[in-house]
N, C-alpha and C. Protein backbone atom coordinates (compact mmCIF):
# COMPACT_ATOMS: atom_id res chain seq x y z
N MET A 1 5.71 6.94 -21.28
CA MET A 1 5.56 8.04 -20.33
C MET A 1 6.84 8.19 -19.52
N ASP A 2 7.33 9.41 -19.40
CA ASP A 2 8.57 9.67 -18.69
C ASP A 2 8.34 9.69 -17.19
N THR A 3 9.35 9.26 -16.45
CA THR A 3 9.36 9.41 -14.99
C THR A 3 10.64 10.14 -14.61
N ILE A 4 10.57 10.86 -13.50
CA ILE A 4 11.72 11.64 -13.03
C ILE A 4 11.86 11.43 -11.53
N ASN A 5 13.04 11.78 -11.03
CA ASN A 5 13.24 11.78 -9.59
C ASN A 5 12.52 13.00 -9.00
N LEU A 6 11.80 12.77 -7.93
CA LEU A 6 11.13 13.89 -7.27
C LEU A 6 12.17 14.83 -6.66
N ALA A 7 12.01 16.12 -6.89
CA ALA A 7 12.89 17.13 -6.31
C ALA A 7 12.25 17.68 -5.04
N SER A 8 13.08 18.21 -4.16
CA SER A 8 12.57 18.69 -2.87
C SER A 8 11.55 19.82 -3.04
N HIS A 9 11.71 20.65 -4.09
CA HIS A 9 10.76 21.75 -4.27
C HIS A 9 9.39 21.26 -4.77
N GLN A 10 9.30 19.97 -5.14
CA GLN A 10 8.04 19.39 -5.60
C GLN A 10 7.28 18.66 -4.49
N LEU A 11 7.82 18.70 -3.27
CA LEU A 11 7.22 17.96 -2.17
C LEU A 11 5.77 18.36 -1.90
N LYS A 12 5.50 19.64 -1.92
CA LYS A 12 4.16 20.10 -1.58
C LYS A 12 3.12 19.56 -2.56
N LYS A 13 3.40 19.67 -3.84
CA LYS A 13 2.44 19.19 -4.84
C LYS A 13 2.30 17.67 -4.78
N ALA A 14 3.43 16.98 -4.61
CA ALA A 14 3.39 15.52 -4.55
C ALA A 14 2.61 15.04 -3.33
N SER A 15 2.78 15.71 -2.21
CA SER A 15 2.05 15.32 -1.00
C SER A 15 0.55 15.56 -1.15
N THR A 16 0.18 16.58 -1.92
CA THR A 16 -1.24 16.83 -2.18
C THR A 16 -1.84 15.69 -3.01
N VAL A 17 -1.07 15.20 -3.99
CA VAL A 17 -1.53 14.06 -4.80
C VAL A 17 -1.70 12.83 -3.93
N LEU A 18 -0.74 12.58 -3.06
CA LEU A 18 -0.83 11.42 -2.17
C LEU A 18 -2.03 11.54 -1.23
N ALA A 19 -2.24 12.72 -0.68
CA ALA A 19 -3.36 12.90 0.25
C ALA A 19 -4.69 12.67 -0.44
N ALA A 20 -4.82 13.11 -1.68
CA ALA A 20 -6.06 12.90 -2.43
C ALA A 20 -6.26 11.42 -2.74
N SER A 21 -5.18 10.77 -3.13
CA SER A 21 -5.28 9.36 -3.51
C SER A 21 -5.58 8.46 -2.31
N PHE A 22 -5.01 8.78 -1.16
CA PHE A 22 -5.15 7.93 0.03
C PHE A 22 -6.22 8.43 1.00
N PHE A 23 -7.03 9.38 0.59
CA PHE A 23 -7.96 9.99 1.53
C PHE A 23 -8.92 8.97 2.15
N GLU A 24 -9.38 8.00 1.35
CA GLU A 24 -10.31 6.98 1.86
C GLU A 24 -9.62 5.65 2.17
N TYR A 25 -8.30 5.66 2.16
CA TYR A 25 -7.54 4.43 2.45
C TYR A 25 -7.81 4.00 3.89
N PRO A 26 -8.07 2.72 4.12
CA PRO A 26 -8.50 2.27 5.46
C PRO A 26 -7.57 2.70 6.60
N MET A 27 -6.27 2.60 6.40
CA MET A 27 -5.36 2.93 7.48
C MET A 27 -5.42 4.42 7.84
N PHE A 28 -5.55 5.26 6.83
CA PHE A 28 -5.56 6.69 7.12
C PHE A 28 -6.92 7.15 7.64
N ARG A 29 -7.96 6.45 7.28
CA ARG A 29 -9.26 6.72 7.90
C ARG A 29 -9.21 6.35 9.39
N PHE A 30 -8.42 5.34 9.71
CA PHE A 30 -8.26 4.94 11.10
C PHE A 30 -7.40 5.94 11.87
N TYR A 31 -6.31 6.40 11.24
CA TYR A 31 -5.43 7.37 11.89
C TYR A 31 -6.12 8.72 12.08
N PHE A 32 -6.87 9.12 11.05
CA PHE A 32 -7.56 10.42 11.06
C PHE A 32 -9.07 10.19 10.87
N PRO A 33 -9.76 9.70 11.88
CA PRO A 33 -11.19 9.37 11.70
C PRO A 33 -12.06 10.59 11.39
N ASP A 34 -11.64 11.75 11.82
CA ASP A 34 -12.39 12.97 11.52
C ASP A 34 -12.00 13.46 10.12
N PRO A 35 -12.92 13.44 9.15
CA PRO A 35 -12.58 13.84 7.78
C PRO A 35 -11.99 15.25 7.69
N LYS A 36 -12.44 16.15 8.55
CA LYS A 36 -11.91 17.51 8.51
C LYS A 36 -10.45 17.54 8.92
N ARG A 37 -10.13 16.77 9.95
CA ARG A 37 -8.73 16.70 10.39
C ARG A 37 -7.88 15.98 9.35
N ARG A 38 -8.47 14.96 8.71
CA ARG A 38 -7.75 14.24 7.65
C ARG A 38 -7.43 15.18 6.49
N THR A 39 -8.42 15.99 6.10
CA THR A 39 -8.21 16.95 5.02
C THR A 39 -7.11 17.94 5.37
N ARG A 40 -7.10 18.37 6.60
CA ARG A 40 -6.15 19.40 7.03
C ARG A 40 -4.74 18.85 7.19
N HIS A 41 -4.60 17.62 7.70
CA HIS A 41 -3.29 17.15 8.12
C HIS A 41 -2.67 16.07 7.23
N LEU A 42 -3.46 15.40 6.39
CA LEU A 42 -2.88 14.34 5.56
C LEU A 42 -1.81 14.84 4.61
N PRO A 43 -1.96 16.01 3.96
CA PRO A 43 -0.85 16.51 3.13
C PRO A 43 0.44 16.72 3.93
N TRP A 44 0.30 17.23 5.15
CA TRP A 44 1.47 17.40 6.03
C TRP A 44 2.11 16.04 6.32
N TYR A 45 1.29 15.06 6.62
CA TYR A 45 1.77 13.71 6.93
C TYR A 45 2.57 13.15 5.76
N PHE A 46 2.01 13.27 4.54
CA PHE A 46 2.70 12.72 3.38
C PHE A 46 3.93 13.52 2.98
N ARG A 47 3.93 14.81 3.27
CA ARG A 47 5.13 15.59 2.99
C ARG A 47 6.30 15.07 3.82
N ASN A 48 6.02 14.70 5.07
CA ASN A 48 7.07 14.13 5.91
C ASN A 48 7.48 12.73 5.44
N ILE A 49 6.50 11.94 5.02
CA ILE A 49 6.82 10.62 4.47
C ILE A 49 7.74 10.75 3.26
N LEU A 50 7.40 11.65 2.35
CA LEU A 50 8.22 11.83 1.15
C LEU A 50 9.59 12.38 1.50
N ARG A 51 9.65 13.28 2.46
CA ARG A 51 10.95 13.80 2.90
C ARG A 51 11.82 12.67 3.43
N THR A 52 11.21 11.76 4.18
CA THR A 52 11.93 10.61 4.71
C THR A 52 12.39 9.69 3.58
N ALA A 53 11.50 9.44 2.63
CA ALA A 53 11.83 8.56 1.50
C ALA A 53 12.93 9.16 0.64
N LEU A 54 12.91 10.46 0.43
CA LEU A 54 13.97 11.11 -0.34
C LEU A 54 15.32 10.99 0.36
N ARG A 55 15.30 11.05 1.66
CA ARG A 55 16.55 11.00 2.42
C ARG A 55 17.17 9.62 2.43
N TYR A 56 16.33 8.58 2.48
CA TYR A 56 16.85 7.23 2.66
C TYR A 56 16.62 6.31 1.46
N GLY A 57 15.79 6.73 0.51
CA GLY A 57 15.48 5.86 -0.62
C GLY A 57 15.34 6.65 -1.90
N LYS A 58 14.35 6.25 -2.70
CA LYS A 58 14.10 6.89 -4.00
C LYS A 58 12.62 7.24 -4.11
N VAL A 59 12.37 8.39 -4.74
CA VAL A 59 11.00 8.81 -5.02
C VAL A 59 10.92 9.20 -6.49
N TYR A 60 10.01 8.58 -7.22
CA TYR A 60 9.81 8.88 -8.64
C TYR A 60 8.44 9.51 -8.83
N THR A 61 8.36 10.38 -9.83
CA THR A 61 7.10 11.00 -10.20
C THR A 61 7.11 11.21 -11.71
N THR A 62 6.09 11.86 -12.22
CA THR A 62 6.05 12.24 -13.63
C THR A 62 6.34 13.73 -13.72
N PRO A 63 6.68 14.23 -14.90
CA PRO A 63 6.96 15.67 -15.03
C PRO A 63 5.81 16.55 -14.54
N GLU A 64 4.59 16.06 -14.66
CA GLU A 64 3.42 16.83 -14.22
C GLU A 64 3.03 16.51 -12.77
N ILE A 65 3.76 15.60 -12.14
CA ILE A 65 3.47 15.11 -10.79
C ILE A 65 2.04 14.56 -10.74
N ALA A 66 1.76 13.66 -11.67
CA ALA A 66 0.45 13.02 -11.73
C ALA A 66 0.39 11.76 -10.87
N GLY A 67 1.51 11.36 -10.32
CA GLY A 67 1.58 10.20 -9.45
C GLY A 67 2.92 10.16 -8.77
N VAL A 68 3.05 9.32 -7.75
CA VAL A 68 4.27 9.23 -6.96
C VAL A 68 4.48 7.78 -6.53
N ILE A 69 5.74 7.35 -6.56
CA ILE A 69 6.10 6.05 -5.99
C ILE A 69 7.34 6.26 -5.13
N PHE A 70 7.36 5.65 -3.95
CA PHE A 70 8.52 5.82 -3.07
C PHE A 70 8.95 4.47 -2.52
N VAL A 71 10.27 4.27 -2.53
CA VAL A 71 10.85 2.96 -2.28
C VAL A 71 12.05 3.10 -1.34
N LEU A 72 12.20 2.14 -0.43
CA LEU A 72 13.37 2.09 0.42
C LEU A 72 14.28 0.96 -0.04
N PRO A 73 15.61 1.14 0.06
CA PRO A 73 16.56 0.19 -0.51
C PRO A 73 16.94 -0.93 0.46
N PRO A 74 17.58 -1.97 -0.06
CA PRO A 74 18.09 -3.03 0.82
C PRO A 74 18.98 -2.43 1.92
N GLY A 75 18.81 -2.92 3.12
CA GLY A 75 19.61 -2.43 4.23
C GLY A 75 18.99 -1.26 4.97
N HIS A 76 17.94 -0.66 4.39
CA HIS A 76 17.29 0.47 5.07
C HIS A 76 15.79 0.44 4.77
N THR A 77 15.19 -0.71 5.01
CA THR A 77 13.77 -0.87 4.72
C THR A 77 12.91 -0.62 5.96
N LYS A 78 13.53 -0.26 7.07
CA LYS A 78 12.80 0.07 8.30
C LYS A 78 13.27 1.43 8.79
N ILE A 79 12.34 2.34 9.02
CA ILE A 79 12.67 3.68 9.48
C ILE A 79 12.53 3.72 11.00
N SER A 80 13.55 4.23 11.67
CA SER A 80 13.52 4.31 13.12
C SER A 80 12.70 5.52 13.58
N ILE A 81 12.31 5.50 14.84
CA ILE A 81 11.58 6.63 15.41
C ILE A 81 12.40 7.91 15.28
N TRP A 82 13.68 7.82 15.55
CA TRP A 82 14.53 9.01 15.47
C TRP A 82 14.59 9.54 14.05
N GLU A 83 14.64 8.64 13.08
CA GLU A 83 14.66 9.08 11.69
C GLU A 83 13.34 9.76 11.31
N TYR A 84 12.23 9.23 11.79
CA TYR A 84 10.95 9.90 11.56
C TYR A 84 10.94 11.30 12.17
N ILE A 85 11.43 11.42 13.39
CA ILE A 85 11.46 12.71 14.06
C ILE A 85 12.33 13.70 13.29
N GLN A 86 13.47 13.23 12.81
CA GLN A 86 14.38 14.09 12.06
C GLN A 86 13.73 14.64 10.79
N ASN A 87 12.74 13.95 10.28
CA ASN A 87 12.12 14.34 9.02
C ASN A 87 10.72 14.94 9.19
N GLY A 88 10.45 15.45 10.39
CA GLY A 88 9.25 16.27 10.56
C GLY A 88 8.14 15.70 11.39
N PHE A 89 8.30 14.48 11.92
CA PHE A 89 7.17 13.84 12.61
C PHE A 89 7.09 14.15 14.11
N LEU A 90 7.88 15.10 14.57
CA LEU A 90 7.82 15.45 15.98
C LEU A 90 6.42 15.93 16.38
N LEU A 91 5.73 16.56 15.45
CA LEU A 91 4.40 17.10 15.74
C LEU A 91 3.28 16.08 15.53
N ASN A 92 3.63 14.85 15.21
CA ASN A 92 2.61 13.85 14.90
C ASN A 92 1.55 13.68 16.00
N PRO A 93 1.93 13.65 17.30
CA PRO A 93 0.90 13.50 18.33
C PRO A 93 -0.12 14.64 18.33
N PHE A 94 0.32 15.82 17.94
CA PHE A 94 -0.58 16.98 17.94
C PHE A 94 -1.46 17.00 16.68
N LYS A 95 -0.91 16.52 15.57
CA LYS A 95 -1.68 16.50 14.33
C LYS A 95 -2.77 15.43 14.37
N LEU A 96 -2.42 14.25 14.89
CA LEU A 96 -3.39 13.16 14.95
C LEU A 96 -4.30 13.27 16.17
N GLY A 97 -3.81 13.90 17.22
CA GLY A 97 -4.47 13.81 18.52
C GLY A 97 -3.82 12.66 19.27
N PHE A 98 -3.64 12.81 20.58
CA PHE A 98 -2.81 11.85 21.32
C PHE A 98 -3.34 10.42 21.22
N ARG A 99 -4.66 10.24 21.38
CA ARG A 99 -5.23 8.89 21.33
C ARG A 99 -4.99 8.24 19.97
N ASN A 100 -5.23 8.98 18.89
CA ASN A 100 -5.01 8.43 17.56
C ASN A 100 -3.53 8.20 17.28
N TYR A 101 -2.69 9.05 17.87
CA TYR A 101 -1.24 8.87 17.70
C TYR A 101 -0.80 7.54 18.32
N VAL A 102 -1.27 7.25 19.52
CA VAL A 102 -0.90 5.99 20.18
C VAL A 102 -1.37 4.80 19.33
N ARG A 103 -2.59 4.87 18.83
CA ARG A 103 -3.11 3.78 17.99
C ARG A 103 -2.28 3.66 16.71
N SER A 104 -1.89 4.78 16.12
CA SER A 104 -1.11 4.73 14.89
C SER A 104 0.25 4.09 15.13
N MET A 105 0.87 4.39 16.26
CA MET A 105 2.18 3.81 16.56
C MET A 105 2.07 2.30 16.77
N GLU A 106 1.00 1.85 17.41
CA GLU A 106 0.79 0.41 17.58
C GLU A 106 0.65 -0.26 16.22
N CYS A 107 -0.08 0.38 15.32
CA CYS A 107 -0.26 -0.18 13.97
C CYS A 107 1.05 -0.20 13.20
N GLU A 108 1.77 0.91 13.24
CA GLU A 108 3.04 1.00 12.50
C GLU A 108 4.04 -0.04 13.00
N ASN A 109 4.09 -0.24 14.31
CA ASN A 109 5.01 -1.23 14.86
C ASN A 109 4.64 -2.64 14.42
N PHE A 110 3.34 -2.94 14.41
CA PHE A 110 2.90 -4.26 13.98
C PHE A 110 3.24 -4.50 12.51
N VAL A 111 2.99 -3.50 11.68
CA VAL A 111 3.28 -3.63 10.25
C VAL A 111 4.77 -3.82 10.02
N ALA A 112 5.60 -3.02 10.71
CA ALA A 112 7.05 -3.13 10.55
C ALA A 112 7.57 -4.49 11.02
N ASN A 113 7.05 -4.97 12.13
CA ASN A 113 7.50 -6.27 12.66
C ASN A 113 7.07 -7.42 11.74
N THR A 114 5.87 -7.31 11.16
CA THR A 114 5.41 -8.33 10.22
C THR A 114 6.31 -8.36 8.99
N HIS A 115 6.62 -7.20 8.47
CA HIS A 115 7.54 -7.07 7.33
C HIS A 115 8.87 -7.75 7.65
N GLU A 116 9.43 -7.43 8.82
CA GLU A 116 10.73 -7.97 9.21
C GLU A 116 10.70 -9.49 9.33
N LYS A 117 9.63 -10.03 9.93
CA LYS A 117 9.52 -11.48 10.11
C LYS A 117 9.39 -12.19 8.77
N LEU A 118 8.61 -11.62 7.85
CA LEU A 118 8.37 -12.28 6.58
C LEU A 118 9.62 -12.30 5.71
N MET A 119 10.39 -11.22 5.71
CA MET A 119 11.56 -11.14 4.83
C MET A 119 12.82 -11.72 5.47
N GLN A 120 12.83 -11.90 6.80
CA GLN A 120 13.88 -12.63 7.51
C GLN A 120 15.29 -12.18 7.12
N ASN A 121 15.50 -10.89 7.14
CA ASN A 121 16.82 -10.30 6.83
C ASN A 121 17.28 -10.54 5.39
N ARG A 122 16.37 -10.97 4.54
CA ARG A 122 16.71 -11.15 3.13
C ARG A 122 16.80 -9.78 2.45
N PRO A 123 17.89 -9.47 1.76
CA PRO A 123 17.99 -8.17 1.08
C PRO A 123 16.84 -7.98 0.09
N HIS A 124 16.23 -6.81 0.11
CA HIS A 124 15.08 -6.56 -0.76
C HIS A 124 14.80 -5.07 -0.82
N TYR A 125 13.98 -4.69 -1.78
CA TYR A 125 13.45 -3.33 -1.85
C TYR A 125 12.07 -3.33 -1.20
N TYR A 126 11.76 -2.21 -0.57
CA TYR A 126 10.45 -2.05 0.07
C TYR A 126 9.67 -0.98 -0.69
N LEU A 127 8.61 -1.42 -1.37
CA LEU A 127 7.75 -0.48 -2.06
C LEU A 127 6.83 0.13 -1.00
N TRP A 128 7.25 1.28 -0.51
CA TRP A 128 6.59 1.92 0.63
C TRP A 128 5.22 2.49 0.23
N GLY A 129 5.14 3.02 -1.00
CA GLY A 129 3.86 3.58 -1.41
C GLY A 129 3.81 3.92 -2.88
N LEU A 130 2.63 3.84 -3.45
CA LEU A 130 2.38 4.19 -4.85
C LEU A 130 1.00 4.84 -4.92
N ALA A 131 0.93 5.99 -5.58
CA ALA A 131 -0.36 6.68 -5.70
C ALA A 131 -0.41 7.43 -7.01
N VAL A 132 -1.61 7.52 -7.55
CA VAL A 132 -1.86 8.28 -8.78
C VAL A 132 -2.94 9.31 -8.47
N ASP A 133 -2.80 10.49 -9.00
CA ASP A 133 -3.81 11.54 -8.86
C ASP A 133 -5.17 10.96 -9.27
N PRO A 134 -6.18 11.02 -8.42
CA PRO A 134 -7.49 10.45 -8.77
C PRO A 134 -8.06 10.98 -10.09
N ALA A 135 -7.67 12.18 -10.46
CA ALA A 135 -8.17 12.76 -11.72
C ALA A 135 -7.40 12.23 -12.93
N GLN A 136 -6.33 11.44 -12.68
CA GLN A 136 -5.48 10.95 -13.77
C GLN A 136 -5.44 9.43 -13.84
N LYS A 137 -6.45 8.79 -13.29
CA LYS A 137 -6.48 7.32 -13.28
C LYS A 137 -6.63 6.75 -14.68
N ALA A 138 -6.20 5.47 -14.82
CA ALA A 138 -6.38 4.70 -16.06
C ALA A 138 -5.64 5.31 -17.24
N LYS A 139 -4.52 5.95 -16.99
CA LYS A 139 -3.70 6.51 -18.06
C LYS A 139 -2.31 5.87 -18.12
N GLY A 140 -2.11 4.80 -17.36
CA GLY A 140 -0.82 4.12 -17.36
C GLY A 140 0.22 4.76 -16.48
N ILE A 141 -0.18 5.69 -15.62
CA ILE A 141 0.79 6.39 -14.79
C ILE A 141 1.41 5.45 -13.75
N GLY A 142 0.57 4.64 -13.11
CA GLY A 142 1.09 3.69 -12.13
C GLY A 142 2.09 2.73 -12.73
N THR A 143 1.79 2.24 -13.93
CA THR A 143 2.70 1.32 -14.63
C THR A 143 4.02 2.00 -14.93
N ALA A 144 3.96 3.25 -15.39
CA ALA A 144 5.18 3.99 -15.69
C ALA A 144 6.02 4.21 -14.44
N LEU A 145 5.38 4.52 -13.33
CA LEU A 145 6.11 4.74 -12.09
C LEU A 145 6.72 3.44 -11.55
N MET A 146 6.02 2.35 -11.74
CA MET A 146 6.51 1.07 -11.26
C MET A 146 7.73 0.59 -12.04
N ARG A 147 7.81 0.96 -13.29
CA ARG A 147 8.84 0.40 -14.18
C ARG A 147 10.27 0.58 -13.65
N PRO A 148 10.72 1.78 -13.30
CA PRO A 148 12.12 1.92 -12.86
C PRO A 148 12.41 1.15 -11.58
N VAL A 149 11.42 1.02 -10.72
CA VAL A 149 11.61 0.28 -9.47
C VAL A 149 11.84 -1.20 -9.76
N LEU A 150 10.98 -1.78 -10.59
CA LEU A 150 11.08 -3.21 -10.89
C LEU A 150 12.30 -3.53 -11.74
N GLU A 151 12.63 -2.63 -12.66
CA GLU A 151 13.82 -2.84 -13.48
C GLU A 151 15.09 -2.84 -12.63
N LYS A 152 15.15 -1.94 -11.67
CA LYS A 152 16.32 -1.87 -10.79
C LYS A 152 16.41 -3.13 -9.92
N ALA A 153 15.28 -3.57 -9.39
CA ALA A 153 15.28 -4.77 -8.56
C ALA A 153 15.69 -6.00 -9.38
N ASP A 154 15.18 -6.11 -10.61
CA ASP A 154 15.56 -7.23 -11.46
C ASP A 154 17.04 -7.19 -11.81
N ALA A 155 17.56 -6.00 -12.09
CA ALA A 155 18.97 -5.86 -12.45
C ALA A 155 19.88 -6.30 -11.30
N GLU A 156 19.40 -6.10 -10.07
CA GLU A 156 20.18 -6.49 -8.89
C GLU A 156 19.77 -7.86 -8.35
N ASN A 157 18.84 -8.51 -9.05
CA ASN A 157 18.35 -9.84 -8.67
C ASN A 157 17.80 -9.85 -7.24
N LEU A 158 16.98 -8.83 -6.94
CA LEU A 158 16.43 -8.69 -5.60
C LEU A 158 14.90 -8.66 -5.64
N PRO A 159 14.26 -9.17 -4.60
CA PRO A 159 12.80 -9.10 -4.53
C PRO A 159 12.33 -7.71 -4.10
N VAL A 160 11.04 -7.47 -4.29
CA VAL A 160 10.39 -6.25 -3.84
C VAL A 160 9.23 -6.66 -2.93
N TYR A 161 9.19 -6.04 -1.76
CA TYR A 161 8.14 -6.34 -0.78
C TYR A 161 7.20 -5.15 -0.66
N LEU A 162 5.93 -5.43 -0.41
CA LEU A 162 4.98 -4.37 -0.09
C LEU A 162 3.87 -4.94 0.78
N GLU A 163 3.16 -4.05 1.48
CA GLU A 163 1.93 -4.45 2.11
C GLU A 163 0.86 -3.44 1.73
N THR A 164 -0.37 -3.90 1.68
CA THR A 164 -1.50 -3.02 1.42
C THR A 164 -2.57 -3.27 2.46
N HIS A 165 -3.32 -2.24 2.78
CA HIS A 165 -4.41 -2.35 3.74
C HIS A 165 -5.77 -2.35 3.04
N ASP A 166 -5.72 -2.44 1.72
CA ASP A 166 -6.95 -2.43 0.92
C ASP A 166 -6.91 -3.63 -0.03
N GLU A 167 -7.83 -4.56 0.15
CA GLU A 167 -7.83 -5.79 -0.66
C GLU A 167 -7.98 -5.50 -2.14
N LYS A 168 -8.59 -4.39 -2.50
CA LYS A 168 -8.76 -4.06 -3.93
C LYS A 168 -7.42 -3.84 -4.63
N ASN A 169 -6.38 -3.57 -3.87
CA ASN A 169 -5.06 -3.35 -4.47
C ASN A 169 -4.35 -4.64 -4.84
N VAL A 170 -4.78 -5.75 -4.25
CA VAL A 170 -4.07 -7.01 -4.48
C VAL A 170 -4.03 -7.40 -5.96
N PRO A 171 -5.16 -7.43 -6.68
CA PRO A 171 -5.10 -7.79 -8.11
C PRO A 171 -4.24 -6.82 -8.93
N TYR A 172 -4.25 -5.55 -8.53
CA TYR A 172 -3.43 -4.57 -9.26
C TYR A 172 -1.96 -4.94 -9.17
N TYR A 173 -1.48 -5.24 -7.99
CA TYR A 173 -0.06 -5.58 -7.84
C TYR A 173 0.26 -6.94 -8.44
N GLN A 174 -0.70 -7.82 -8.46
CA GLN A 174 -0.46 -9.13 -9.07
C GLN A 174 -0.13 -8.99 -10.56
N LYS A 175 -0.66 -7.97 -11.20
CA LYS A 175 -0.35 -7.74 -12.62
C LYS A 175 1.12 -7.48 -12.85
N PHE A 176 1.82 -7.03 -11.83
CA PHE A 176 3.24 -6.72 -11.95
C PHE A 176 4.13 -7.87 -11.45
N GLY A 177 3.51 -9.00 -11.13
CA GLY A 177 4.28 -10.15 -10.70
C GLY A 177 4.36 -10.33 -9.19
N PHE A 178 3.68 -9.50 -8.42
CA PHE A 178 3.65 -9.67 -6.97
C PHE A 178 2.74 -10.84 -6.61
N GLU A 179 3.14 -11.59 -5.60
CA GLU A 179 2.33 -12.67 -5.08
C GLU A 179 2.04 -12.43 -3.61
N MET A 180 0.83 -12.74 -3.20
CA MET A 180 0.50 -12.57 -1.79
C MET A 180 1.13 -13.70 -0.99
N ILE A 181 1.88 -13.33 0.04
CA ILE A 181 2.56 -14.34 0.85
C ILE A 181 1.99 -14.45 2.26
N HIS A 182 1.18 -13.46 2.65
CA HIS A 182 0.66 -13.50 4.02
C HIS A 182 -0.50 -12.53 4.15
N LYS A 183 -1.53 -12.97 4.81
CA LYS A 183 -2.63 -12.07 5.18
C LYS A 183 -2.78 -12.11 6.69
N THR A 184 -2.86 -10.95 7.28
CA THR A 184 -3.00 -10.88 8.73
C THR A 184 -3.85 -9.67 9.07
N SER A 185 -3.99 -9.39 10.35
CA SER A 185 -4.68 -8.18 10.78
C SER A 185 -4.05 -7.70 12.07
N ILE A 186 -4.11 -6.42 12.29
CA ILE A 186 -3.57 -5.84 13.51
C ILE A 186 -4.49 -6.27 14.65
N PRO A 187 -4.00 -7.09 15.58
CA PRO A 187 -4.88 -7.80 16.52
C PRO A 187 -5.84 -6.90 17.28
N LYS A 188 -5.35 -5.82 17.85
CA LYS A 188 -6.17 -4.99 18.73
C LYS A 188 -7.30 -4.28 17.99
N TYR A 189 -7.04 -3.99 16.69
CA TYR A 189 -7.99 -3.17 15.94
C TYR A 189 -8.64 -3.91 14.76
N LYS A 190 -8.20 -5.15 14.51
CA LYS A 190 -8.77 -5.97 13.44
C LYS A 190 -8.66 -5.30 12.08
N LEU A 191 -7.55 -4.60 11.85
CA LEU A 191 -7.32 -3.97 10.56
C LEU A 191 -6.53 -4.93 9.68
N PRO A 192 -7.08 -5.34 8.53
CA PRO A 192 -6.42 -6.35 7.70
C PRO A 192 -5.21 -5.79 6.95
N ILE A 193 -4.27 -6.69 6.68
CA ILE A 193 -3.07 -6.35 5.91
C ILE A 193 -2.80 -7.49 4.93
N TRP A 194 -2.52 -7.15 3.69
CA TRP A 194 -2.12 -8.12 2.68
C TRP A 194 -0.66 -7.86 2.34
N CYS A 195 0.18 -8.88 2.54
CA CYS A 195 1.62 -8.75 2.32
C CYS A 195 2.00 -9.47 1.04
N MET A 196 2.79 -8.80 0.20
CA MET A 196 3.09 -9.32 -1.13
C MET A 196 4.58 -9.19 -1.44
N VAL A 197 5.07 -10.11 -2.27
CA VAL A 197 6.47 -10.07 -2.71
C VAL A 197 6.52 -10.34 -4.21
N ARG A 198 7.36 -9.60 -4.86
CA ARG A 198 7.68 -9.86 -6.27
C ARG A 198 9.11 -10.35 -6.33
N GLU A 199 9.28 -11.60 -6.74
CA GLU A 199 10.62 -12.16 -6.87
C GLU A 199 11.32 -11.54 -8.08
N PRO A 200 12.66 -11.52 -8.06
CA PRO A 200 13.37 -10.99 -9.23
C PRO A 200 13.10 -11.83 -10.46
N PHE A 201 13.33 -11.25 -11.61
CA PHE A 201 12.96 -11.87 -12.88
C PHE A 201 13.50 -13.29 -13.02
N GLU A 202 14.77 -13.50 -12.64
CA GLU A 202 15.39 -14.81 -12.83
C GLU A 202 14.64 -15.88 -12.04
N LEU A 203 14.25 -15.56 -10.80
CA LEU A 203 13.55 -16.54 -9.98
C LEU A 203 12.14 -16.79 -10.47
N ARG A 204 11.50 -15.76 -11.02
CA ARG A 204 10.13 -15.92 -11.52
C ARG A 204 10.11 -16.75 -12.79
N GLU A 205 11.23 -16.83 -13.49
CA GLU A 205 11.29 -17.60 -14.74
C GLU A 205 11.56 -19.08 -14.49
N VAL A 206 12.00 -19.43 -13.24
CA VAL A 206 12.34 -20.83 -12.96
C VAL A 206 11.08 -21.68 -12.96
């Protein structure tokens, strides 16, 4: 299955795929507890995420945009508030509602700080997100999207880090060589996080 770099004119369709795939994802149910607001604003949210990922990292999709993977490179695995604002998130407090916006920022800061502590300035790729169109599951799309990311990391002898907020994703990523290195939860809200790392090929063979 072929993969391509996502183009800017494909952002709308790709964000729709992400919104459908992540609609019941625990973190986004927390950010957008009202399903109607989630339906209305989640595509907007992901369009900004993808715009940010395109600017600072890589975004891959399939020719039909049946799935999306977005990755940040070594040296830029943390996005600043200013960078988020530059890529469309200025309206975030209004889209989420002020109370939910404050809660989302507390969660995002905790996740980013956990990531930073675990990787300890070690150069790595950050697998920011992976999603497949719910109508296209079990067709190998996720595997195809993962391939260029893992091949590039192996070629550069670098690890890949990710976190997931859904325990069902852990076995899926383990199939690609990721190992769980830390489980925690956002203290104030008791939202669990599973943190995983895939070592480069050479280290995994030792």
